[in-house]
Amino acid sequence: MGAASGERAAEIGFDEFMKVDIRVGTVVSAEPFPEARKPAIRLAIDFGDPIGIRKSSAQITVHYRPEDLVGRQVVAVVNFPPRQIGPMMSEVLTLGVPDANGAVVLLQPSLAVPNGGRMF
């Protein structure tokens, strides 16, 4: 199961952590994604220049409705290889943490910040 199940992940060095490019972006469109195996929402997220708009499939239907996501800032890993999710290619991994029941709660900055800002 690993760290996702609550277990502590293996220790890594700082240089390894810095290889993961985690950026903030603003959701510019969100729509239901019924073709996904688990309930999901298809997102288009603007990370600003030079990354631009990237697509993501996120299993966030318990706490979020597509119409409430547009304009919201989110945090995502932008340097994983694209992954096929049903009929779409997911280009970034939108980050969240589980609530008490295991449903995803999105990570987001506590204040508005410029799109594309890298987490450090």
N, C-alpha and C. Protein backbone atom coordinates (compact mmCIF):
# COMPACT_ATOMS: atom_id res chain seq x y z
N MET A 1 0.82 -1.20 0.00
CA MET A 1 0.00 0.00 0.00
C MET A 1 0.86 1.26 0.00
N GLY A 2 1.86 1.35 0.85
CA GLY A 2 2.76 2.50 0.82
C GLY A 2 2.22 3.72 1.52
N ALA A 3 2.82 4.87 1.19
CA ALA A 3 2.52 6.11 1.88
C ALA A 3 1.08 6.58 1.68
N ALA A 4 0.47 6.24 0.56
CA ALA A 4 -0.91 6.67 0.31
C ALA A 4 -1.86 6.11 1.35
N SER A 5 -1.52 4.96 1.94
CA SER A 5 -2.39 4.35 2.92
C SER A 5 -2.12 4.86 4.33
N GLY A 6 -1.23 5.83 4.47
CA GLY A 6 -0.93 6.39 5.77
C GLY A 6 0.42 5.96 6.31
N GLU A 7 1.05 4.98 5.66
CA GLU A 7 2.38 4.57 6.08
C GLU A 7 3.39 5.63 5.65
N ARG A 8 4.47 5.70 6.38
CA ARG A 8 5.52 6.66 6.04
C ARG A 8 6.27 6.17 4.81
N ALA A 9 6.53 7.09 3.87
CA ALA A 9 7.26 6.76 2.64
C ALA A 9 8.75 6.63 2.95
N ALA A 10 9.46 5.96 2.05
CA ALA A 10 10.90 5.80 2.18
C ALA A 10 11.58 7.17 2.15
N GLU A 11 12.65 7.32 2.88
CA GLU A 11 13.39 8.57 2.92
C GLU A 11 14.09 8.82 1.59
N ILE A 12 14.05 10.07 1.13
CA ILE A 12 14.75 10.45 -0.09
C ILE A 12 15.64 11.66 0.21
N GLY A 13 16.58 11.91 -0.67
CA GLY A 13 17.43 13.08 -0.52
C GLY A 13 16.77 14.32 -1.09
N PHE A 14 17.28 15.49 -0.70
CA PHE A 14 16.74 16.75 -1.17
C PHE A 14 16.85 16.87 -2.68
N ASP A 15 17.96 16.41 -3.26
CA ASP A 15 18.13 16.48 -4.71
C ASP A 15 17.05 15.68 -5.43
N GLU A 16 16.66 14.54 -4.86
CA GLU A 16 15.59 13.73 -5.46
C GLU A 16 14.26 14.49 -5.40
N PHE A 17 13.99 15.11 -4.26
CA PHE A 17 12.76 15.89 -4.10
C PHE A 17 12.70 17.01 -5.14
N MET A 18 13.82 17.68 -5.38
CA MET A 18 13.84 18.81 -6.31
C MET A 18 13.60 18.39 -7.75
N LYS A 19 13.68 17.10 -8.06
CA LYS A 19 13.38 16.61 -9.40
C LYS A 19 11.88 16.64 -9.67
N VAL A 20 11.07 16.63 -8.61
CA VAL A 20 9.62 16.67 -8.76
C VAL A 20 9.21 18.14 -8.91
N ASP A 21 8.68 18.49 -10.07
CA ASP A 21 8.31 19.87 -10.37
C ASP A 21 6.84 20.08 -10.01
N ILE A 22 6.61 20.71 -8.86
CA ILE A 22 5.26 20.95 -8.35
C ILE A 22 4.95 22.43 -8.51
N ARG A 23 3.90 22.72 -9.25
CA ARG A 23 3.55 24.11 -9.58
C ARG A 23 2.10 24.43 -9.24
N VAL A 24 1.82 25.72 -9.13
CA VAL A 24 0.45 26.18 -8.92
C VAL A 24 -0.13 26.63 -10.26
N GLY A 25 -1.40 26.34 -10.45
CA GLY A 25 -2.09 26.77 -11.65
C GLY A 25 -3.54 27.08 -11.32
N THR A 26 -4.22 27.71 -12.26
CA THR A 26 -5.62 28.06 -12.10
C THR A 26 -6.48 27.22 -13.04
N VAL A 27 -7.52 26.61 -12.49
CA VAL A 27 -8.44 25.81 -13.29
C VAL A 27 -9.18 26.75 -14.25
N VAL A 28 -9.06 26.48 -15.56
CA VAL A 28 -9.76 27.29 -16.56
C VAL A 28 -10.99 26.60 -17.12
N SER A 29 -11.05 25.27 -16.98
CA SER A 29 -12.28 24.56 -17.33
C SER A 29 -12.33 23.26 -16.53
N ALA A 30 -13.56 22.83 -16.24
CA ALA A 30 -13.78 21.60 -15.48
C ALA A 30 -15.09 21.00 -15.97
N GLU A 31 -15.07 19.70 -16.22
CA GLU A 31 -16.29 19.03 -16.69
C GLU A 31 -16.32 17.60 -16.17
N PRO A 32 -17.51 17.04 -16.04
CA PRO A 32 -17.60 15.65 -15.61
C PRO A 32 -16.82 14.76 -16.57
N PHE A 33 -16.29 13.67 -16.04
CA PHE A 33 -15.51 12.73 -16.85
C PHE A 33 -16.04 11.32 -16.63
N PRO A 34 -17.23 11.04 -17.18
CA PRO A 34 -17.88 9.75 -16.94
C PRO A 34 -17.13 8.56 -17.53
N GLU A 35 -16.22 8.78 -18.47
CA GLU A 35 -15.49 7.68 -19.09
C GLU A 35 -14.40 7.11 -18.18
N ALA A 36 -14.04 7.82 -17.12
CA ALA A 36 -13.02 7.34 -16.19
C ALA A 36 -13.59 6.15 -15.40
N ARG A 37 -12.70 5.24 -14.96
CA ARG A 37 -13.15 4.07 -14.20
C ARG A 37 -13.80 4.45 -12.88
N LYS A 38 -13.22 5.43 -12.18
CA LYS A 38 -13.79 5.93 -10.93
C LYS A 38 -14.31 7.34 -11.20
N PRO A 39 -15.33 7.79 -10.46
CA PRO A 39 -15.87 9.14 -10.69
C PRO A 39 -14.76 10.19 -10.67
N ALA A 40 -14.74 11.02 -11.71
CA ALA A 40 -13.66 12.00 -11.85
C ALA A 40 -14.17 13.25 -12.54
N ILE A 41 -13.33 14.28 -12.49
CA ILE A 41 -13.59 15.54 -13.19
C ILE A 41 -12.39 15.81 -14.08
N ARG A 42 -12.66 16.17 -15.32
CA ARG A 42 -11.61 16.52 -16.28
C ARG A 42 -11.32 18.01 -16.10
N LEU A 43 -10.05 18.34 -15.86
CA LEU A 43 -9.63 19.72 -15.61
C LEU A 43 -8.69 20.21 -16.70
N ALA A 44 -8.76 21.49 -17.02
CA ALA A 44 -7.74 22.18 -17.80
C ALA A 44 -7.20 23.24 -16.84
N ILE A 45 -5.88 23.21 -16.62
CA ILE A 45 -5.24 24.06 -15.61
C ILE A 45 -4.20 24.93 -16.29
N ASP A 46 -4.26 26.25 -16.05
CA ASP A 46 -3.32 27.21 -16.63
C ASP A 46 -2.16 27.41 -15.67
N PHE A 47 -0.96 26.98 -16.09
CA PHE A 47 0.25 27.15 -15.29
C PHE A 47 1.09 28.34 -15.74
N GLY A 48 0.55 29.17 -16.62
CA GLY A 48 1.29 30.33 -17.11
C GLY A 48 2.44 29.91 -18.02
N ASP A 49 3.22 30.90 -18.45
CA ASP A 49 4.38 30.63 -19.31
C ASP A 49 5.52 30.06 -18.50
N PRO A 50 6.28 29.13 -18.99
CA PRO A 50 6.22 28.54 -20.33
C PRO A 50 5.40 27.24 -20.38
N ILE A 51 4.79 26.82 -19.28
CA ILE A 51 4.11 25.52 -19.24
C ILE A 51 2.78 25.57 -19.98
N GLY A 52 2.01 26.61 -19.76
CA GLY A 52 0.73 26.77 -20.44
C GLY A 52 -0.38 25.96 -19.79
N ILE A 53 -1.40 25.64 -20.57
CA ILE A 53 -2.57 24.92 -20.08
C ILE A 53 -2.33 23.42 -20.24
N ARG A 54 -2.57 22.68 -19.16
CA ARG A 54 -2.39 21.23 -19.16
C ARG A 54 -3.67 20.56 -18.66
N LYS A 55 -3.90 19.33 -19.12
CA LYS A 55 -5.10 18.57 -18.75
C LYS A 55 -4.81 17.62 -17.58
N SER A 56 -5.84 17.38 -16.78
CA SER A 56 -5.73 16.45 -15.66
C SER A 56 -7.07 15.81 -15.40
N SER A 57 -7.05 14.54 -14.99
CA SER A 57 -8.24 13.85 -14.52
C SER A 57 -8.08 13.72 -13.01
N ALA A 58 -9.07 14.18 -12.26
CA ALA A 58 -8.96 14.15 -10.80
C ALA A 58 -10.20 13.51 -10.18
N GLN A 59 -9.99 12.58 -9.26
CA GLN A 59 -11.08 11.89 -8.56
C GLN A 59 -11.51 12.74 -7.36
N ILE A 60 -12.19 13.83 -7.66
CA ILE A 60 -12.52 14.82 -6.63
C ILE A 60 -14.02 15.08 -6.55
N THR A 61 -14.83 14.14 -7.01
CA THR A 61 -16.27 14.37 -7.12
C THR A 61 -17.02 14.40 -5.80
N VAL A 62 -16.42 13.94 -4.71
CA VAL A 62 -17.12 13.94 -3.42
C VAL A 62 -17.28 15.37 -2.90
N HIS A 63 -16.21 16.18 -3.00
CA HIS A 63 -16.25 17.53 -2.42
C HIS A 63 -16.39 18.66 -3.43
N TYR A 64 -16.26 18.36 -4.72
CA TYR A 64 -16.21 19.43 -5.72
C TYR A 64 -17.16 19.16 -6.88
N ARG A 65 -17.74 20.24 -7.40
CA ARG A 65 -18.55 20.20 -8.60
C ARG A 65 -17.77 20.96 -9.68
N PRO A 66 -17.86 20.51 -10.93
CA PRO A 66 -17.09 21.18 -11.99
C PRO A 66 -17.29 22.70 -12.01
N GLU A 67 -18.53 23.14 -11.88
CA GLU A 67 -18.80 24.58 -11.97
C GLU A 67 -18.17 25.39 -10.84
N ASP A 68 -17.82 24.75 -9.74
CA ASP A 68 -17.20 25.46 -8.62
C ASP A 68 -15.68 25.49 -8.71
N LEU A 69 -15.11 24.76 -9.66
CA LEU A 69 -13.65 24.65 -9.75
C LEU A 69 -13.00 25.71 -10.63
N VAL A 70 -13.72 26.22 -11.61
CA VAL A 70 -13.14 27.22 -12.51
C VAL A 70 -12.75 28.46 -11.71
N GLY A 71 -11.50 28.87 -11.89
CA GLY A 71 -10.97 30.02 -11.16
C GLY A 71 -10.22 29.65 -9.89
N ARG A 72 -10.33 28.41 -9.46
CA ARG A 72 -9.65 27.95 -8.24
C ARG A 72 -8.20 27.60 -8.57
N GLN A 73 -7.30 27.99 -7.68
CA GLN A 73 -5.91 27.59 -7.85
C GLN A 73 -5.70 26.22 -7.23
N VAL A 74 -4.90 25.41 -7.90
CA VAL A 74 -4.57 24.07 -7.44
C VAL A 74 -3.07 23.86 -7.57
N VAL A 75 -2.60 22.78 -6.98
CA VAL A 75 -1.18 22.43 -7.03
C VAL A 75 -1.06 21.09 -7.75
N ALA A 76 -0.07 20.97 -8.64
CA ALA A 76 0.07 19.75 -9.43
C ALA A 76 1.53 19.46 -9.74
N VAL A 77 1.82 18.18 -9.94
CA VAL A 77 3.12 17.75 -10.45
C VAL A 77 3.04 17.91 -11.97
N VAL A 78 3.97 18.69 -12.54
CA VAL A 78 3.90 18.98 -13.97
C VAL A 78 4.96 18.24 -14.79
N ASN A 79 5.81 17.44 -14.16
CA ASN A 79 6.86 16.77 -14.94
C ASN A 79 6.80 15.24 -14.90
N PHE A 80 5.62 14.68 -14.60
CA PHE A 80 5.42 13.25 -14.80
C PHE A 80 5.11 13.04 -16.28
N PRO A 81 5.39 11.85 -16.82
CA PRO A 81 4.97 11.60 -18.20
C PRO A 81 3.44 11.57 -18.28
N PRO A 82 2.88 11.97 -19.43
CA PRO A 82 1.42 11.90 -19.59
C PRO A 82 0.92 10.47 -19.37
N ARG A 83 -0.31 10.36 -18.88
CA ARG A 83 -0.89 9.06 -18.56
C ARG A 83 -2.28 8.97 -19.18
N GLN A 84 -2.54 7.87 -19.86
CA GLN A 84 -3.85 7.66 -20.49
C GLN A 84 -4.88 7.32 -19.42
N ILE A 85 -5.94 8.13 -19.34
CA ILE A 85 -7.06 7.90 -18.42
C ILE A 85 -8.31 7.84 -19.30
N GLY A 86 -8.80 6.64 -19.52
CA GLY A 86 -9.93 6.50 -20.43
C GLY A 86 -9.56 7.09 -21.78
N PRO A 87 -10.42 7.94 -22.37
CA PRO A 87 -10.14 8.50 -23.69
C PRO A 87 -9.25 9.74 -23.68
N MET A 88 -8.79 10.20 -22.50
CA MET A 88 -7.97 11.41 -22.45
C MET A 88 -6.57 11.12 -21.96
N MET A 89 -5.65 12.00 -22.32
CA MET A 89 -4.28 11.92 -21.84
C MET A 89 -4.14 12.94 -20.72
N SER A 90 -3.92 12.46 -19.49
CA SER A 90 -3.73 13.34 -18.34
C SER A 90 -2.27 13.78 -18.32
N GLU A 91 -2.05 15.09 -18.34
CA GLU A 91 -0.70 15.63 -18.48
C GLU A 91 -0.05 16.04 -17.17
N VAL A 92 -0.85 16.26 -16.13
CA VAL A 92 -0.31 16.64 -14.82
C VAL A 92 -1.06 15.87 -13.74
N LEU A 93 -0.45 15.73 -12.58
CA LEU A 93 -1.08 15.08 -11.43
C LEU A 93 -1.52 16.16 -10.45
N THR A 94 -2.83 16.38 -10.38
CA THR A 94 -3.38 17.35 -9.44
C THR A 94 -3.30 16.75 -8.04
N LEU A 95 -2.80 17.53 -7.09
CA LEU A 95 -2.51 17.00 -5.75
C LEU A 95 -3.62 17.27 -4.76
N GLY A 96 -3.83 16.31 -3.89
CA GLY A 96 -4.80 16.42 -2.82
C GLY A 96 -4.42 15.52 -1.67
N VAL A 97 -5.16 15.60 -0.61
CA VAL A 97 -4.97 14.75 0.57
C VAL A 97 -6.33 14.17 0.95
N PRO A 98 -6.34 13.01 1.63
CA PRO A 98 -7.63 12.39 1.98
C PRO A 98 -8.28 13.06 3.19
N ASP A 99 -9.62 13.15 3.13
CA ASP A 99 -10.34 13.57 4.33
C ASP A 99 -10.50 12.35 5.23
N ALA A 100 -11.26 12.46 6.30
CA ALA A 100 -11.41 11.35 7.25
C ALA A 100 -12.01 10.10 6.62
N ASN A 101 -12.73 10.26 5.50
CA ASN A 101 -13.34 9.12 4.82
C ASN A 101 -12.57 8.67 3.58
N GLY A 102 -11.43 9.31 3.31
CA GLY A 102 -10.61 8.94 2.17
C GLY A 102 -10.91 9.70 0.90
N ALA A 103 -11.87 10.62 0.91
CA ALA A 103 -12.18 11.42 -0.28
C ALA A 103 -11.13 12.52 -0.44
N VAL A 104 -10.83 12.87 -1.68
CA VAL A 104 -9.76 13.82 -1.97
C VAL A 104 -10.18 15.26 -1.65
N VAL A 105 -9.29 15.96 -0.96
CA VAL A 105 -9.39 17.40 -0.71
C VAL A 105 -8.20 18.03 -1.44
N LEU A 106 -8.47 18.95 -2.35
CA LEU A 106 -7.42 19.56 -3.15
C LEU A 106 -6.45 20.39 -2.33
N LEU A 107 -5.18 20.35 -2.72
CA LEU A 107 -4.19 21.25 -2.15
C LEU A 107 -4.24 22.55 -2.93
N GLN A 108 -4.13 23.67 -2.22
CA GLN A 108 -4.13 24.97 -2.88
C GLN A 108 -3.42 25.97 -1.99
N PRO A 109 -2.86 27.03 -2.59
CA PRO A 109 -2.22 28.05 -1.77
C PRO A 109 -3.27 28.79 -0.93
N SER A 110 -2.85 29.27 0.24
CA SER A 110 -3.79 29.98 1.11
C SER A 110 -4.05 31.40 0.65
N LEU A 111 -3.21 31.92 -0.24
CA LEU A 111 -3.39 33.24 -0.85
C LEU A 111 -3.22 33.09 -2.35
N ALA A 112 -3.81 33.99 -3.13
CA ALA A 112 -3.62 33.96 -4.58
C ALA A 112 -2.16 34.22 -4.91
N VAL A 113 -1.62 33.43 -5.81
CA VAL A 113 -0.22 33.56 -6.24
C VAL A 113 -0.17 33.48 -7.77
N PRO A 114 0.93 33.93 -8.38
CA PRO A 114 1.03 33.84 -9.84
C PRO A 114 1.04 32.38 -10.31
N ASN A 115 0.33 32.11 -11.42
CA ASN A 115 0.36 30.79 -12.01
C ASN A 115 1.79 30.40 -12.38
N GLY A 116 2.11 29.14 -12.18
CA GLY A 116 3.43 28.63 -12.54
C GLY A 116 4.44 28.66 -11.41
N GLY A 117 4.08 29.26 -10.28
CA GLY A 117 5.01 29.29 -9.16
C GLY A 117 5.36 27.88 -8.72
N ARG A 118 6.67 27.64 -8.53
CA ARG A 118 7.13 26.30 -8.16
C ARG A 118 7.19 26.15 -6.65
N MET A 119 6.68 25.02 -6.18
CA MET A 119 6.73 24.74 -4.74
C MET A 119 8.17 24.50 -4.32
N PHE A 120 8.52 25.05 -3.17
CA PHE A 120 9.85 24.79 -2.60
C PHE A 120 9.75 24.61 -1.12
